[in-house]
Amino acid sequence: MANKNKTGKYAKEETSPKTGFAIPAENYKLMLAGLGIIVLGFILMVGGGSDDPNVFKEEELFSFRRIDLSSIIVVLGFAFEVYAIMKKPKKSDDSDK
């Protein structure tokens, strides 16, 4: 139970700060890989424009790569990010030392 100070209010209990990161280093590496997958998907969306404003290149703009493939890769990248955040770290076994 918290102790009352001189003013009669409850004082906050002192706790030692936790050291280290909230997420293990392995998870950060996986998160960077997921970010790379997302960036790859957005890079695949780029392009399809025309130098001449009077010409519309429907085949380039609405290609499978820009519409379907890139969207699937971006969604998979976000799913991989969720996995990277939720992945539990492996427990180190000190008994084999």
PDB file of N, CA and C in Angstrom:
ATOM      1  N   MET A   1       0.836  -1.170   0.000  1.00  0.00           N
ATOM      2  CA  MET A   1       0.000   0.000   0.000  1.00  0.00           C
ATOM      3  C   MET A   1       0.884   1.237   0.000  1.00  0.00           C
ATOM      4  N   ALA A   2       0.455   2.297  -0.651  1.00  0.00           N
ATOM      5  CA  ALA A   2       1.247   3.514  -0.736  1.00  0.00           C
ATOM      6  C   ALA A   2       1.215   4.249   0.599  1.00  0.00           C
ATOM      7  N   ASN A   3       2.284   4.916   0.914  1.00  0.00           N
ATOM      8  CA  ASN A   3       2.387   5.667   2.156  1.00  0.00           C
ATOM      9  C   ASN A   3       1.914   7.097   1.950  1.00  0.00           C
ATOM     10  N   LYS A   4       1.287   7.654   3.006  1.00  0.00           N
ATOM     11  CA  LYS A   4       0.861   9.044   2.948  1.00  0.00           C
ATOM     12  C   LYS A   4       2.064   9.932   3.270  1.00  0.00           C
ATOM     13  N   ASN A   5       2.181  11.026   2.525  1.00  0.00           N
ATOM     14  CA  ASN A   5       3.252  11.971   2.839  1.00  0.00           C
ATOM     15  C   ASN A   5       2.727  13.011   3.824  1.00  0.00           C
ATOM     16  N   LYS A   6       3.493  14.047   4.086  1.00  0.00           N
ATOM     17  CA  LYS A   6       3.136  15.051   5.104  1.00  0.00           C
ATOM     18  C   LYS A   6       1.861  15.812   4.767  1.00  0.00           C
ATOM     19  N   THR A   7       1.544  15.939   3.505  1.00  0.00           N
ATOM     20  CA  THR A   7       0.343  16.678   3.126  1.00  0.00           C
ATOM     21  C   THR A   7      -0.912  15.818   3.202  1.00  0.00           C
ATOM     22  N   GLY A   8      -0.758  14.542   3.481  1.00  0.00           N
ATOM     23  CA  GLY A   8      -1.908  13.665   3.590  1.00  0.00           C
ATOM     24  C   GLY A   8      -2.267  12.982   2.284  1.00  0.00           C
ATOM     25  N   LYS A   9      -1.528  13.302   1.232  1.00  0.00           N
ATOM     26  CA  LYS A   9      -1.784  12.662  -0.052  1.00  0.00           C
ATOM     27  C   LYS A   9      -0.915  11.430  -0.177  1.00  0.00           C
ATOM     28  N   TYR A  10      -1.382  10.505  -0.984  1.00  0.00           N
ATOM     29  CA  TYR A  10      -0.611   9.289  -1.198  1.00  0.00           C
ATOM     30  C   TYR A  10       0.560   9.582  -2.134  1.00  0.00           C
ATOM     31  N   ALA A  11       1.721   9.133  -1.756  1.00  0.00           N
ATOM     32  CA  ALA A  11       2.909   9.303  -2.587  1.00  0.00           C
ATOM     33  C   ALA A  11       3.008   8.135  -3.561  1.00  0.00           C
ATOM     34  N   LYS A  12       3.502   8.437  -4.735  1.00  0.00           N
ATOM     35  CA  LYS A  12       3.695   7.378  -5.725  1.00  0.00           C
ATOM     36  C   LYS A  12       4.883   6.538  -5.308  1.00  0.00           C
ATOM     37  N   GLU A  13       4.740   5.243  -5.496  1.00  0.00           N
ATOM     38  CA  GLU A  13       5.829   4.355  -5.148  1.00  0.00           C
ATOM     39  C   GLU A  13       6.916   4.443  -6.202  1.00  0.00           C
ATOM     40  N   GLU A  14       8.140   4.463  -5.743  1.00  0.00           N
ATOM     41  CA  GLU A  14       9.280   4.515  -6.651  1.00  0.00           C
ATOM     42  C   GLU A  14       9.503   3.125  -7.246  1.00  0.00           C
ATOM     43  N   THR A  15       9.606   3.068  -8.541  1.00  0.00           N
ATOM     44  CA  THR A  15       9.910   1.806  -9.202  1.00  0.00           C
ATOM     45  C   THR A  15      11.150   2.014 -10.052  1.00  0.00           C
ATOM     46  N   SER A  16      11.934   0.981 -10.146  1.00  0.00           N
ATOM     47  CA  SER A  16      13.143   1.095 -10.962  1.00  0.00           C
ATOM     48  C   SER A  16      12.757   0.965 -12.428  1.00  0.00           C
ATOM     49  N   PRO A  17      13.363   1.787 -13.286  1.00  0.00           N
ATOM     50  CA  PRO A  17      13.015   1.709 -14.707  1.00  0.00           C
ATOM     51  C   PRO A  17      13.520   0.412 -15.326  1.00  0.00           C
ATOM     52  N   LYS A  18      12.761  -0.113 -16.265  1.00  0.00           N
ATOM     53  CA  LYS A  18      13.170  -1.334 -16.950  1.00  0.00           C
ATOM     54  C   LYS A  18      14.254  -0.991 -17.960  1.00  0.00           C
ATOM     55  N   THR A  19      15.180  -1.886 -18.096  1.00  0.00           N
ATOM     56  CA  THR A  19      16.232  -1.667 -19.071  1.00  0.00           C
ATOM     57  C   THR A  19      15.950  -2.490 -20.319  1.00  0.00           C
ATOM     58  N   GLY A  20      16.456  -2.043 -21.442  1.00  0.00           N
ATOM     59  CA  GLY A  20      16.265  -2.769 -22.688  1.00  0.00           C
ATOM     60  C   GLY A  20      15.073  -2.246 -23.462  1.00  0.00           C
ATOM     61  N   PHE A  21      14.872  -2.862 -24.616  1.00  0.00           N
ATOM     62  CA  PHE A  21      13.777  -2.475 -25.486  1.00  0.00           C
ATOM     63  C   PHE A  21      12.538  -3.307 -25.188  1.00  0.00           C
ATOM     64  N   ALA A  22      11.395  -2.787 -25.594  1.00  0.00           N
ATOM     65  CA  ALA A  22      10.145  -3.509 -25.392  1.00  0.00           C
ATOM     66  C   ALA A  22      10.043  -4.713 -26.325  1.00  0.00           C
ATOM     67  N   ILE A  23      10.682  -4.605 -27.476  1.00  0.00           N
ATOM     68  CA  ILE A  23      10.651  -5.674 -28.470  1.00  0.00           C
ATOM     69  C   ILE A  23      12.083  -6.158 -28.669  1.00  0.00           C
ATOM     70  N   PRO A  24      12.310  -7.462 -28.739  1.00  0.00           N
ATOM     71  CA  PRO A  24      13.679  -7.971 -28.934  1.00  0.00           C
ATOM     72  C   PRO A  24      14.278  -7.544 -30.275  1.00  0.00           C
ATOM     73  N   ALA A  25      15.601  -7.581 -30.354  1.00  0.00           N
ATOM     74  CA  ALA A  25      16.309  -7.136 -31.557  1.00  0.00           C
ATOM     75  C   ALA A  25      15.930  -7.963 -32.778  1.00  0.00           C
ATOM     76  N   GLU A  26      15.666  -9.250 -32.580  1.00  0.00           N
ATOM     77  CA  GLU A  26      15.272 -10.103 -33.712  1.00  0.00           C
ATOM     78  C   GLU A  26      13.979  -9.605 -34.344  1.00  0.00           C
ATOM     79  N   ASN A  27      13.049  -9.134 -33.512  1.00  0.00           N
ATOM     80  CA  ASN A  27      11.782  -8.632 -34.019  1.00  0.00           C
ATOM     81  C   ASN A  27      11.986  -7.339 -34.822  1.00  0.00           C
ATOM     82  N   TYR A  28      12.932  -6.500 -34.380  1.00  0.00           N
ATOM     83  CA  TYR A  28      13.216  -5.279 -35.130  1.00  0.00           C
ATOM     84  C   TYR A  28      13.767  -5.612 -36.512  1.00  0.00           C
ATOM     85  N   LYS A  29      14.595  -6.638 -36.597  1.00  0.00           N
ATOM     86  CA  LYS A  29      15.127  -7.059 -37.898  1.00  0.00           C
ATOM     87  C   LYS A  29      13.997  -7.549 -38.791  1.00  0.00           C
ATOM     88  N   LEU A  30      13.070  -8.307 -38.230  1.00  0.00           N
ATOM     89  CA  LEU A  30      11.924  -8.773 -39.004  1.00  0.00           C
ATOM     90  C   LEU A  30      11.043  -7.604 -39.440  1.00  0.00           C
ATOM     91  N   MET A  31      10.915  -6.605 -38.578  1.00  0.00           N
ATOM     92  CA  MET A  31      10.120  -5.432 -38.928  1.00  0.00           C
ATOM     93  C   MET A  31      10.762  -4.660 -40.078  1.00  0.00           C
ATOM     94  N   LEU A  32      12.086  -4.573 -40.093  1.00  0.00           N
ATOM     95  CA  LEU A  32      12.773  -3.917 -41.204  1.00  0.00           C
ATOM     96  C   LEU A  32      12.572  -4.695 -42.504  1.00  0.00           C
ATOM     97  N   ALA A  33      12.578  -6.021 -42.410  1.00  0.00           N
ATOM     98  CA  ALA A  33      12.319  -6.841 -43.590  1.00  0.00           C
ATOM     99  C   ALA A  33      10.892  -6.596 -44.095  1.00  0.00           C
ATOM    100  N   GLY A  34       9.942  -6.504 -43.187  1.00  0.00           N
ATOM    101  CA  GLY A  34       8.559  -6.216 -43.572  1.00  0.00           C
ATOM    102  C   GLY A  34       8.428  -4.853 -44.225  1.00  0.00           C
ATOM    103  N   LEU A  35       9.170  -3.878 -43.702  1.00  0.00           N
ATOM    104  CA  LEU A  35       9.162  -2.549 -44.311  1.00  0.00           C
ATOM    105  C   LEU A  35       9.717  -2.614 -45.723  1.00  0.00           C
ATOM    106  N   GLY A  36      10.751  -3.423 -45.919  1.00  0.00           N
ATOM    107  CA  GLY A  36      11.304  -3.603 -47.260  1.00  0.00           C
ATOM    108  C   GLY A  36      10.293  -4.211 -48.215  1.00  0.00           C
ATOM    109  N   ILE A  37       9.507  -5.164 -47.738  1.00  0.00           N
ATOM    110  CA  ILE A  37       8.469  -5.788 -48.572  1.00  0.00           C
ATOM    111  C   ILE A  37       7.414  -4.756 -48.958  1.00  0.00           C
ATOM    112  N   ILE A  38       7.026  -3.907 -48.014  1.00  0.00           N
ATOM    113  CA  ILE A  38       6.031  -2.873 -48.290  1.00  0.00           C
ATOM    114  C   ILE A  38       6.572  -1.873 -49.315  1.00  0.00           C
ATOM    115  N   VAL A  39       7.821  -1.454 -49.143  1.00  0.00           N
ATOM    116  CA  VAL A  39       8.433  -0.509 -50.083  1.00  0.00           C
ATOM    117  C   VAL A  39       8.515  -1.140 -51.478  1.00  0.00           C
ATOM    118  N   LEU A  40       8.863  -2.419 -51.552  1.00  0.00           N
ATOM    119  CA  LEU A  40       8.910  -3.110 -52.835  1.00  0.00           C
ATOM    120  C   LEU A  40       7.547  -3.070 -53.518  1.00  0.00           C
ATOM    121  N   GLY A  41       6.490  -3.288 -52.755  1.00  0.00           N
ATOM    122  CA  GLY A  41       5.137  -3.235 -53.319  1.00  0.00           C
ATOM    123  C   GLY A  41       4.804  -1.860 -53.867  1.00  0.00           C
ATOM    124  N   PHE A  42       5.193  -0.807 -53.155  1.00  0.00           N
ATOM    125  CA  PHE A  42       4.920   0.544 -53.641  1.00  0.00           C
ATOM    126  C   PHE A  42       5.783   0.880 -54.855  1.00  0.00           C
ATOM    127  N   ILE A  43       7.004   0.364 -54.897  1.00  0.00           N
ATOM    128  CA  ILE A  43       7.854   0.596 -56.069  1.00  0.00           C
ATOM    129  C   ILE A  43       7.228  -0.065 -57.303  1.00  0.00           C
ATOM    130  N   LEU A  44       6.627  -1.238 -57.121  1.00  0.00           N
ATOM    131  CA  LEU A  44       5.972  -1.905 -58.245  1.00  0.00           C
ATOM    132  C   LEU A  44       4.753  -1.135 -58.746  1.00  0.00           C
ATOM    133  N   MET A  45       4.163  -0.290 -57.911  1.00  0.00           N
ATOM    134  CA  MET A  45       3.019   0.520 -58.339  1.00  0.00           C
ATOM    135  C   MET A  45       3.427   1.707 -59.209  1.00  0.00           C
ATOM    136  N   VAL A  46       4.686   2.101 -59.140  1.00  0.00           N
ATOM    137  CA  VAL A  46       5.154   3.305 -59.816  1.00  0.00           C
ATOM    138  C   VAL A  46       5.157   3.096 -61.320  1.00  0.00           C
ATOM    139  N   GLY A  47       4.878   4.173 -62.049  1.00  0.00           N
ATOM    140  CA  GLY A  47       4.986   4.151 -63.502  1.00  0.00           C
ATOM    141  C   GLY A  47       3.641   4.159 -64.185  1.00  0.00           C
ATOM    142  N   GLY A  48       3.703   3.926 -65.484  1.00  0.00           N
ATOM    143  CA  GLY A  48       2.472   3.869 -66.274  1.00  0.00           C
ATOM    144  C   GLY A  48       2.051   5.202 -66.839  1.00  0.00           C
ATOM    145  N   GLY A  49       2.839   6.238 -66.574  1.00  0.00           N
ATOM    146  CA  GLY A  49       2.491   7.549 -67.099  1.00  0.00           C
ATOM    147  C   GLY A  49       2.881   7.688 -68.550  1.00  0.00           C
ATOM    148  N   SER A  50       2.503   8.797 -69.133  1.00  0.00           N
ATOM    149  CA  SER A  50       2.806   9.058 -70.529  1.00  0.00           C
ATOM    150  C   SER A  50       3.446  10.436 -70.637  1.00  0.00           C
ATOM    151  N   ASP A  51       4.397  10.569 -71.553  1.00  0.00           N
ATOM    152  CA  ASP A  51       5.022  11.869 -71.768  1.00  0.00           C
ATOM    153  C   ASP A  51       4.079  12.826 -72.493  1.00  0.00           C
ATOM    154  N   ASP A  52       3.234  12.282 -73.322  1.00  0.00           N
ATOM    155  CA  ASP A  52       2.275  13.085 -74.084  1.00  0.00           C
ATOM    156  C   ASP A  52       0.937  13.072 -73.344  1.00  0.00           C
ATOM    157  N   PRO A  53       0.430  14.246 -72.920  1.00  0.00           N
ATOM    158  CA  PRO A  53      -0.839  14.258 -72.170  1.00  0.00           C
ATOM    159  C   PRO A  53      -2.053  13.850 -73.007  1.00  0.00           C
ATOM    160  N   ASN A  54      -1.898  13.810 -74.333  1.00  0.00           N
ATOM    161  CA  ASN A  54      -3.015  13.418 -75.203  1.00  0.00           C
ATOM    162  C   ASN A  54      -3.079  11.918 -75.419  1.00  0.00           C
ATOM    163  N   VAL A  55      -2.093  11.177 -74.922  1.00  0.00           N
ATOM    164  CA  VAL A  55      -2.045   9.732 -75.124  1.00  0.00           C
ATOM    165  C   VAL A  55      -2.315   9.034 -73.789  1.00  0.00           C
ATOM    166  N   PHE A  56      -3.276   8.121 -73.809  1.00  0.00           N
ATOM    167  CA  PHE A  56      -3.596   7.345 -72.606  1.00  0.00           C
ATOM    168  C   PHE A  56      -3.221   5.898 -72.853  1.00  0.00           C
ATOM    169  N   LYS A  57      -2.230   5.404 -72.096  1.00  0.00           N
ATOM    170  CA  LYS A  57      -1.760   4.032 -72.274  1.00  0.00           C
ATOM    171  C   LYS A  57      -2.420   3.135 -71.233  1.00  0.00           C
ATOM    172  N   GLU A  58      -3.576   2.632 -71.619  1.00  0.00           N
ATOM    173  CA  GLU A  58      -4.371   1.819 -70.693  1.00  0.00           C
ATOM    174  C   GLU A  58      -3.645   0.532 -70.300  1.00  0.00           C
ATOM    175  N   GLU A  59      -2.939  -0.087 -71.228  1.00  0.00           N
ATOM    176  CA  GLU A  59      -2.245  -1.342 -70.947  1.00  0.00           C
ATOM    177  C   GLU A  59      -1.166  -1.167 -69.878  1.00  0.00           C
ATOM    178  N   GLU A  60      -0.475  -0.034 -69.912  1.00  0.00           N
ATOM    179  CA  GLU A  60       0.579   0.211 -68.927  1.00  0.00           C
ATOM    180  C   GLU A  60      -0.003   0.597 -67.571  1.00  0.00           C
ATOM    181  N   LEU A  61      -0.984   1.453 -67.583  1.00  0.00           N
ATOM    182  CA  LEU A  61      -1.541   1.954 -66.325  1.00  0.00           C
ATOM    183  C   LEU A  61      -2.282   0.875 -65.555  1.00  0.00           C
ATOM    184  N   PHE A  62      -3.057   0.063 -66.262  1.00  0.00           N
ATOM    185  CA  PHE A  62      -3.868  -0.962 -65.603  1.00  0.00           C
ATOM    186  C   PHE A  62      -3.264  -2.346 -65.777  1.00  0.00           C
ATOM    187  N   SER A  63      -1.961  -2.448 -65.701  1.00  0.00           N
ATOM    188  CA  SER A  63      -1.301  -3.740 -65.877  1.00  0.00           C
ATOM    189  C   SER A  63      -1.441  -4.584 -64.605  1.00  0.00           C
ATOM    190  N   PHE A  64      -1.224  -5.882 -64.775  1.00  0.00           N
ATOM    191  CA  PHE A  64      -1.306  -6.817 -63.647  1.00  0.00           C
ATOM    192  C   PHE A  64      -0.322  -6.427 -62.545  1.00  0.00           C
ATOM    193  N   ARG A  65       0.869  -6.000 -62.941  1.00  0.00           N
ATOM    194  CA  ARG A  65       1.910  -5.658 -61.962  1.00  0.00           C
ATOM    195  C   ARG A  65       1.479  -4.492 -61.081  1.00  0.00           C
ATOM    196  N   ARG A  66       0.917  -3.447 -61.671  1.00  0.00           N
ATOM    197  CA  ARG A  66       0.566  -2.248 -60.905  1.00  0.00           C
ATOM    198  C   ARG A  66      -0.718  -2.407 -60.084  1.00  0.00           C
ATOM    199  N   ILE A  67      -1.658  -3.149 -60.589  1.00  0.00           N
ATOM    200  CA  ILE A  67      -2.949  -3.256 -59.908  1.00  0.00           C
ATOM    201  C   ILE A  67      -2.980  -4.430 -58.935  1.00  0.00           C
ATOM    202  N   ASP A  68      -2.619  -5.602 -59.377  1.00  0.00           N
ATOM    203  CA  ASP A  68      -2.798  -6.803 -58.567  1.00  0.00           C
ATOM    204  C   ASP A  68      -1.555  -7.175 -57.765  1.00  0.00           C
ATOM    205  N   LEU A  69      -0.454  -7.375 -58.463  1.00  0.00           N
ATOM    206  CA  LEU A  69       0.757  -7.876 -57.809  1.00  0.00           C
ATOM    207  C   LEU A  69       1.256  -6.932 -56.718  1.00  0.00           C
ATOM    208  N   SER A  70       1.316  -5.649 -57.024  1.00  0.00           N
ATOM    209  CA  SER A  70       1.841  -4.697 -56.038  1.00  0.00           C
ATOM    210  C   SER A  70       0.925  -4.607 -54.814  1.00  0.00           C
ATOM    211  N   SER A  71      -0.373  -4.659 -55.011  1.00  0.00           N
ATOM    212  CA  SER A  71      -1.316  -4.604 -53.886  1.00  0.00           C
ATOM    213  C   SER A  71      -1.172  -5.828 -52.991  1.00  0.00           C
ATOM    214  N   ILE A  72      -1.018  -6.985 -53.606  1.00  0.00           N
ATOM    215  CA  ILE A  72      -0.843  -8.221 -52.832  1.00  0.00           C
ATOM    216  C   ILE A  72       0.447  -8.164 -52.026  1.00  0.00           C
ATOM    217  N   ILE A  73       1.520  -7.663 -52.632  1.00  0.00           N
ATOM    218  CA  ILE A  73       2.804  -7.577 -51.928  1.00  0.00           C
ATOM    219  C   ILE A  73       2.722  -6.603 -50.762  1.00  0.00           C
ATOM    220  N   VAL A  74       2.044  -5.478 -50.932  1.00  0.00           N
ATOM    221  CA  VAL A  74       1.903  -4.513 -49.835  1.00  0.00           C
ATOM    222  C   VAL A  74       1.105  -5.125 -48.684  1.00  0.00           C
ATOM    223  N   VAL A  75       0.019  -5.810 -48.987  1.00  0.00           N
ATOM    224  CA  VAL A  75      -0.791  -6.443 -47.932  1.00  0.00           C
ATOM    225  C   VAL A  75       0.017  -7.521 -47.220  1.00  0.00           C
ATOM    226  N   LEU A  76       0.777  -8.315 -47.979  1.00  0.00           N
ATOM    227  CA  LEU A  76       1.639  -9.328 -47.352  1.00  0.00           C
ATOM    228  C   LEU A  76       2.710  -8.680 -46.480  1.00  0.00           C
ATOM    229  N   GLY A  77       3.215  -7.534 -46.898  1.00  0.00           N
ATOM    230  CA  GLY A  77       4.195  -6.806 -46.087  1.00  0.00           C
ATOM    231  C   GLY A  77       3.606  -6.361 -44.763  1.00  0.00           C
ATOM    232  N   PHE A  78       2.385  -5.852 -44.794  1.00  0.00           N
ATOM    233  CA  PHE A  78       1.736  -5.441 -43.542  1.00  0.00           C
ATOM    234  C   PHE A  78       1.433  -6.652 -42.655  1.00  0.00           C
ATOM    235  N   ALA A  79       1.038  -7.763 -43.258  1.00  0.00           N
ATOM    236  CA  ALA A  79       0.801  -8.983 -42.481  1.00  0.00           C
ATOM    237  C   ALA A  79       2.113  -9.463 -41.848  1.00  0.00           C
ATOM    238  N   PHE A  80       3.209  -9.357 -42.589  1.00  0.00           N
ATOM    239  CA  PHE A  80       4.512  -9.734 -42.053  1.00  0.00           C
ATOM    240  C   PHE A  80       4.913  -8.813 -40.900  1.00  0.00           C
ATOM    241  N   GLU A  81       4.552  -7.539 -40.986  1.00  0.00           N
ATOM    242  CA  GLU A  81       4.823  -6.593 -39.894  1.00  0.00           C
ATOM    243  C   GLU A  81       4.081  -7.014 -38.618  1.00  0.00           C
ATOM    244  N   VAL A  82       2.838  -7.426 -38.755  1.00  0.00           N
ATOM    245  CA  VAL A  82       2.069  -7.877 -37.594  1.00  0.00           C
ATOM    246  C   VAL A  82       2.738  -9.107 -36.984  1.00  0.00           C
ATOM    247  N   TYR A  83       3.164 -10.037 -37.839  1.00  0.00           N
ATOM    248  CA  TYR A  83       3.867 -11.217 -37.358  1.00  0.00           C
ATOM    249  C   TYR A  83       5.158 -10.820 -36.632  1.00  0.00           C
ATOM    250  N   ALA A  84       5.903  -9.879 -37.206  1.00  0.00           N
ATOM    251  CA  ALA A  84       7.177  -9.467 -36.611  1.00  0.00           C
ATOM    252  C   ALA A  84       6.970  -8.833 -35.239  1.00  0.00           C
ATOM    253  N   ILE A  85       5.900  -8.117 -35.067  1.00  0.00           N
ATOM    254  CA  ILE A  85       5.626  -7.477 -33.770  1.00  0.00           C
ATOM    255  C   ILE A  85       5.155  -8.509 -32.749  1.00  0.00           C
ATOM    256  N   MET A  86       4.322  -9.450 -33.178  1.00  0.00           N
ATOM    257  CA  MET A  86       3.720 -10.400 -32.254  1.00  0.00           C
ATOM    258  C   MET A  86       4.600 -11.606 -31.939  1.00  0.00           C
ATOM    259  N   LYS A  87       5.656 -11.840 -32.712  1.00  0.00           N
ATOM    260  CA  LYS A  87       6.503 -13.018 -32.532  1.00  0.00           C
ATOM    261  C   LYS A  87       7.156 -12.988 -31.151  1.00  0.00           C
ATOM    262  N   LYS A  88       7.015 -14.092 -30.443  1.00  0.00           N
ATOM    263  CA  LYS A  88       7.613 -14.190 -29.118  1.00  0.00           C
ATOM    264  C   LYS A  88       9.078 -14.558 -29.259  1.00  0.00           C
ATOM    265  N   PRO A  89       9.928 -13.975 -28.428  1.00  0.00           N
ATOM    266  CA  PRO A  89      11.345 -14.313 -28.517  1.00  0.00           C
ATOM    267  C   PRO A  89      11.607 -15.724 -28.022  1.00  0.00           C
ATOM    268  N   LYS A  90      12.664 -16.322 -28.571  1.00  0.00           N
ATOM    269  CA  LYS A  90      13.041 -17.653 -28.098  1.00  0.00           C
ATOM    270  C   LYS A  90      13.629 -17.523 -26.708  1.00  0.00           C
ATOM    271  N   LYS A  91      13.268 -18.458 -25.845  1.00  0.00           N
ATOM    272  CA  LYS A  91      13.808 -18.449 -24.484  1.00  0.00           C
ATOM    273  C   LYS A  91      15.201 -19.035 -24.517  1.00  0.00           C
ATOM    274  N   SER A  92      16.137 -18.341 -23.889  1.00  0.00           N
ATOM    275  CA  SER A  92      17.511 -18.873 -23.846  1.00  0.00           C
ATOM    276  C   SER A  92      17.605 -19.876 -22.716  1.00  0.00           C
ATOM    277  N   ASP A  93      18.180 -21.008 -23.019  1.00  0.00           N
ATOM    278  CA  ASP A  93      18.332 -22.088 -22.035  1.00  0.00           C
ATOM    279  C   ASP A  93      19.745 -22.040 -21.477  1.00  0.00           C
ATOM    280  N   ASP A  94      19.873 -21.629 -20.230  1.00  0.00           N
ATOM    281  CA  ASP A  94      21.189 -21.487 -19.605  1.00  0.00           C
ATOM    282  C   ASP A  94      21.720 -22.810 -19.073  1.00  0.00           C
ATOM    283  N   SER A  95      20.931 -23.868 -19.149  1.00  0.00           N
ATOM    284  CA  SER A  95      21.364 -25.150 -18.575  1.00  0.00           C
ATOM    285  C   SER A  95      22.421 -25.838 -19.421  1.00  0.00           C
ATOM    286  N   ASP A  96      22.549 -25.472 -20.713  1.00  0.00           N
ATOM    287  CA  ASP A  96      23.533 -26.129 -21.568  1.00  0.00           C
ATOM    288  C   ASP A  96      24.906 -25.474 -21.514  1.00  0.00           C
ATOM    289  N   LYS A  97      25.078 -24.455 -20.709  1.00  0.00           N
ATOM    290  CA  LYS A  97      26.388 -23.793 -20.604  1.00  0.00           C
ATOM    291  C   LYS A  97      27.312 -24.481 -19.659  1.00  0.00           C
TER     292      LYS A  97
END
